Amino acid sequence: MVKTIRMTQNDVQHFVDVTSRCDFDIDISYNRYVVDAKSFLGVYGLDFRVPLTVSYEGYNAALEELLEKYAIAC
């Protein structure tokens, strides 16, 4: 699945906490930069002024709820 989100630097810790509980790979990217969504430093280093794309193959209710919260209309 691929979802587009927008978040702030203040949201990173909660985002990483939720993604770390998932037993599947999750990537977050913009332009050509792709990082592991379970890496605090990787996610924190992203540009939060642009929409971010989250890619994953699996299901976790907490993750879906979080992505819905940060979702933007495309």
N, C-alpha and C. Protein backbone atom coordinates (compact mmCIF):
# COMPACT_ATOMS: atom_id res chain seq x y z
N MET A 1 0.84 -1.17 0.00
CA MET A 1 0.00 0.00 0.00
C MET A 1 0.89 1.24 0.00
N VAL A 2 0.37 2.29 -0.54
CA VAL A 2 1.09 3.56 -0.58
C VAL A 2 0.13 4.66 -0.12
N LYS A 3 0.59 5.45 0.85
CA LYS A 3 -0.23 6.55 1.38
C LYS A 3 0.63 7.81 1.46
N THR A 4 0.00 8.94 1.25
CA THR A 4 0.69 10.23 1.33
C THR A 4 0.28 10.92 2.62
N ILE A 5 1.28 11.37 3.37
CA ILE A 5 1.02 12.00 4.66
C ILE A 5 1.79 13.30 4.79
N ARG A 6 1.42 14.05 5.79
CA ARG A 6 2.18 15.24 6.18
C ARG A 6 2.25 15.22 7.70
N MET A 7 3.46 15.37 8.23
CA MET A 7 3.63 15.42 9.68
C MET A 7 4.72 16.43 10.02
N THR A 8 4.88 16.68 11.30
CA THR A 8 5.88 17.63 11.77
C THR A 8 6.99 16.89 12.50
N GLN A 9 8.04 17.60 12.83
CA GLN A 9 9.14 17.00 13.59
C GLN A 9 8.66 16.53 14.96
N ASN A 10 7.66 17.18 15.51
CA ASN A 10 7.12 16.78 16.81
C ASN A 10 6.40 15.43 16.75
N ASP A 11 5.98 15.01 15.57
CA ASP A 11 5.24 13.76 15.40
C ASP A 11 6.15 12.55 15.20
N VAL A 12 7.44 12.76 14.98
CA VAL A 12 8.35 11.69 14.59
C VAL A 12 8.42 10.57 15.63
N GLN A 13 8.58 10.89 16.89
CA GLN A 13 8.72 9.85 17.91
C GLN A 13 7.51 8.92 17.95
N HIS A 14 6.32 9.50 17.91
CA HIS A 14 5.10 8.67 17.92
C HIS A 14 5.02 7.83 16.65
N PHE A 15 5.33 8.42 15.51
CA PHE A 15 5.30 7.71 14.23
C PHE A 15 6.24 6.51 14.26
N VAL A 16 7.47 6.71 14.72
CA VAL A 16 8.46 5.63 14.77
C VAL A 16 8.04 4.56 15.80
N ASP A 17 7.47 4.96 16.91
CA ASP A 17 6.98 4.00 17.91
C ASP A 17 5.94 3.07 17.29
N VAL A 18 5.01 3.63 16.54
CA VAL A 18 3.95 2.83 15.92
C VAL A 18 4.52 1.93 14.83
N THR A 19 5.36 2.47 13.96
CA THR A 19 5.91 1.66 12.86
C THR A 19 6.82 0.55 13.39
N SER A 20 7.50 0.79 14.48
CA SER A 20 8.41 -0.22 15.05
C SER A 20 7.67 -1.45 15.56
N ARG A 21 6.40 -1.31 15.86
CA ARG A 21 5.60 -2.44 16.34
C ARG A 21 5.07 -3.32 15.21
N CYS A 22 5.29 -2.89 13.98
CA CYS A 22 4.82 -3.67 12.83
C CYS A 22 5.85 -4.72 12.44
N ASP A 23 5.38 -5.90 12.03
CA ASP A 23 6.29 -6.98 11.68
C ASP A 23 6.55 -7.07 10.17
N PHE A 24 6.42 -5.96 9.47
CA PHE A 24 6.69 -5.88 8.04
C PHE A 24 7.46 -4.59 7.76
N ASP A 25 8.10 -4.53 6.59
CA ASP A 25 8.90 -3.37 6.23
C ASP A 25 8.01 -2.18 5.88
N ILE A 26 8.46 -1.00 6.30
CA ILE A 26 7.75 0.24 6.00
C ILE A 26 8.80 1.26 5.57
N ASP A 27 8.60 1.85 4.41
CA ASP A 27 9.49 2.90 3.92
C ASP A 27 8.74 4.22 3.88
N ILE A 28 9.48 5.30 4.09
CA ILE A 28 8.91 6.63 3.96
C ILE A 28 9.84 7.41 3.05
N SER A 29 9.26 8.16 2.11
CA SER A 29 10.09 8.81 1.09
C SER A 29 9.50 10.12 0.61
N TYR A 30 10.36 10.88 -0.04
CA TYR A 30 9.96 12.03 -0.84
C TYR A 30 11.03 12.22 -1.90
N ASN A 31 10.63 12.67 -3.06
CA ASN A 31 11.53 12.76 -4.21
C ASN A 31 12.28 11.44 -4.36
N ARG A 32 13.60 11.46 -4.29
CA ARG A 32 14.37 10.22 -4.46
C ARG A 32 14.92 9.69 -3.15
N TYR A 33 14.59 10.29 -2.03
CA TYR A 33 15.08 9.86 -0.72
C TYR A 33 14.11 8.85 -0.11
N VAL A 34 14.62 7.68 0.24
CA VAL A 34 13.82 6.63 0.85
C VAL A 34 14.52 6.20 2.14
N VAL A 35 13.80 6.18 3.25
CA VAL A 35 14.37 5.74 4.52
C VAL A 35 13.44 4.73 5.18
N ASP A 36 14.00 3.96 6.09
CA ASP A 36 13.23 3.00 6.88
C ASP A 36 12.37 3.78 7.86
N ALA A 37 11.07 3.55 7.83
CA ALA A 37 10.15 4.29 8.69
C ALA A 37 10.28 3.91 10.16
N LYS A 38 11.07 2.88 10.45
CA LYS A 38 11.30 2.46 11.84
C LYS A 38 12.55 3.10 12.42
N SER A 39 13.23 3.92 11.63
CA SER A 39 14.46 4.58 12.06
C SER A 39 14.17 6.02 12.47
N PHE A 40 14.36 6.32 13.75
CA PHE A 40 14.10 7.67 14.23
C PHE A 40 14.96 8.69 13.49
N LEU A 41 16.26 8.44 13.40
CA LEU A 41 17.15 9.40 12.74
C LEU A 41 16.84 9.54 11.26
N GLY A 42 16.48 8.42 10.61
CA GLY A 42 16.11 8.48 9.20
C GLY A 42 14.89 9.34 8.96
N VAL A 43 13.85 9.11 9.74
CA VAL A 43 12.61 9.87 9.58
C VAL A 43 12.81 11.32 9.99
N TYR A 44 13.53 11.54 11.08
CA TYR A 44 13.73 12.91 11.57
C TYR A 44 14.51 13.76 10.56
N GLY A 45 15.33 13.13 9.73
CA GLY A 45 16.12 13.84 8.74
C GLY A 45 15.38 14.23 7.47
N LEU A 46 14.11 13.84 7.37
CA LEU A 46 13.33 14.17 6.17
C LEU A 46 12.90 15.63 6.17
N ASP A 47 12.51 16.09 5.00
CA ASP A 47 12.01 17.46 4.82
C ASP A 47 10.51 17.45 5.10
N PHE A 48 10.08 18.02 6.21
CA PHE A 48 8.68 17.99 6.61
C PHE A 48 7.83 19.06 5.93
N ARG A 49 8.44 19.84 5.06
CA ARG A 49 7.68 20.87 4.33
C ARG A 49 6.98 20.28 3.12
N VAL A 50 7.33 19.05 2.75
CA VAL A 50 6.76 18.41 1.56
C VAL A 50 5.93 17.20 1.99
N PRO A 51 4.99 16.78 1.16
CA PRO A 51 4.25 15.55 1.46
C PRO A 51 5.20 14.36 1.44
N LEU A 52 4.97 13.42 2.33
CA LEU A 52 5.80 12.22 2.44
C LEU A 52 4.98 11.01 2.01
N THR A 53 5.63 10.06 1.37
CA THR A 53 4.97 8.86 0.89
C THR A 53 5.37 7.67 1.75
N VAL A 54 4.40 6.98 2.29
CA VAL A 54 4.64 5.79 3.11
C VAL A 54 4.26 4.57 2.29
N SER A 55 5.20 3.63 2.16
CA SER A 55 4.97 2.40 1.40
C SER A 55 5.14 1.20 2.32
N TYR A 56 4.21 0.26 2.24
CA TYR A 56 4.28 -0.93 3.09
C TYR A 56 3.43 -2.04 2.53
N GLU A 57 3.72 -3.27 2.95
CA GLU A 57 2.98 -4.46 2.52
C GLU A 57 2.58 -5.22 3.77
N GLY A 58 1.46 -4.93 4.33
CA GLY A 58 1.01 -5.60 5.54
C GLY A 58 -0.12 -4.80 6.16
N TYR A 59 -0.61 -5.31 7.29
CA TYR A 59 -1.71 -4.61 7.97
C TYR A 59 -1.44 -4.56 9.46
N ASN A 60 -1.65 -3.36 10.03
CA ASN A 60 -1.58 -3.14 11.46
C ASN A 60 -2.59 -2.05 11.76
N ALA A 61 -3.53 -2.32 12.66
CA ALA A 61 -4.62 -1.37 12.94
C ALA A 61 -4.08 -0.04 13.45
N ALA A 62 -3.08 -0.07 14.33
CA ALA A 62 -2.52 1.17 14.88
C ALA A 62 -1.85 1.99 13.78
N LEU A 63 -1.17 1.32 12.86
CA LEU A 63 -0.53 2.02 11.74
C LEU A 63 -1.58 2.67 10.84
N GLU A 64 -2.63 1.93 10.53
CA GLU A 64 -3.69 2.48 9.67
C GLU A 64 -4.33 3.71 10.32
N GLU A 65 -4.55 3.65 11.62
CA GLU A 65 -5.13 4.79 12.34
C GLU A 65 -4.19 6.00 12.29
N LEU A 66 -2.90 5.74 12.49
CA LEU A 66 -1.91 6.81 12.46
C LEU A 66 -1.83 7.45 11.07
N LEU A 67 -1.78 6.63 10.03
CA LEU A 67 -1.70 7.16 8.67
C LEU A 67 -2.96 7.94 8.30
N GLU A 68 -4.09 7.49 8.80
CA GLU A 68 -5.34 8.24 8.57
C GLU A 68 -5.27 9.61 9.21
N LYS A 69 -4.69 9.68 10.39
CA LYS A 69 -4.55 10.94 11.10
C LYS A 69 -3.66 11.93 10.32
N TYR A 70 -2.59 11.43 9.72
CA TYR A 70 -1.63 12.28 9.01
C TYR A 70 -1.91 12.40 7.51
N ALA A 71 -2.95 11.74 7.03
CA ALA A 71 -3.25 11.70 5.59
C ALA A 71 -3.55 13.09 5.03
N ILE A 72 -3.16 13.28 3.78
CA ILE A 72 -3.52 14.50 3.06
C ILE A 72 -4.24 14.09 1.78
N ALA A 73 -5.05 14.96 1.27
CA ALA A 73 -5.76 14.70 0.02
C ALA A 73 -4.80 14.86 -1.14
N CYS A 74 -4.83 13.93 -2.04
CA CYS A 74 -3.93 13.97 -3.21
C CYS A 74 -4.71 14.30 -4.44
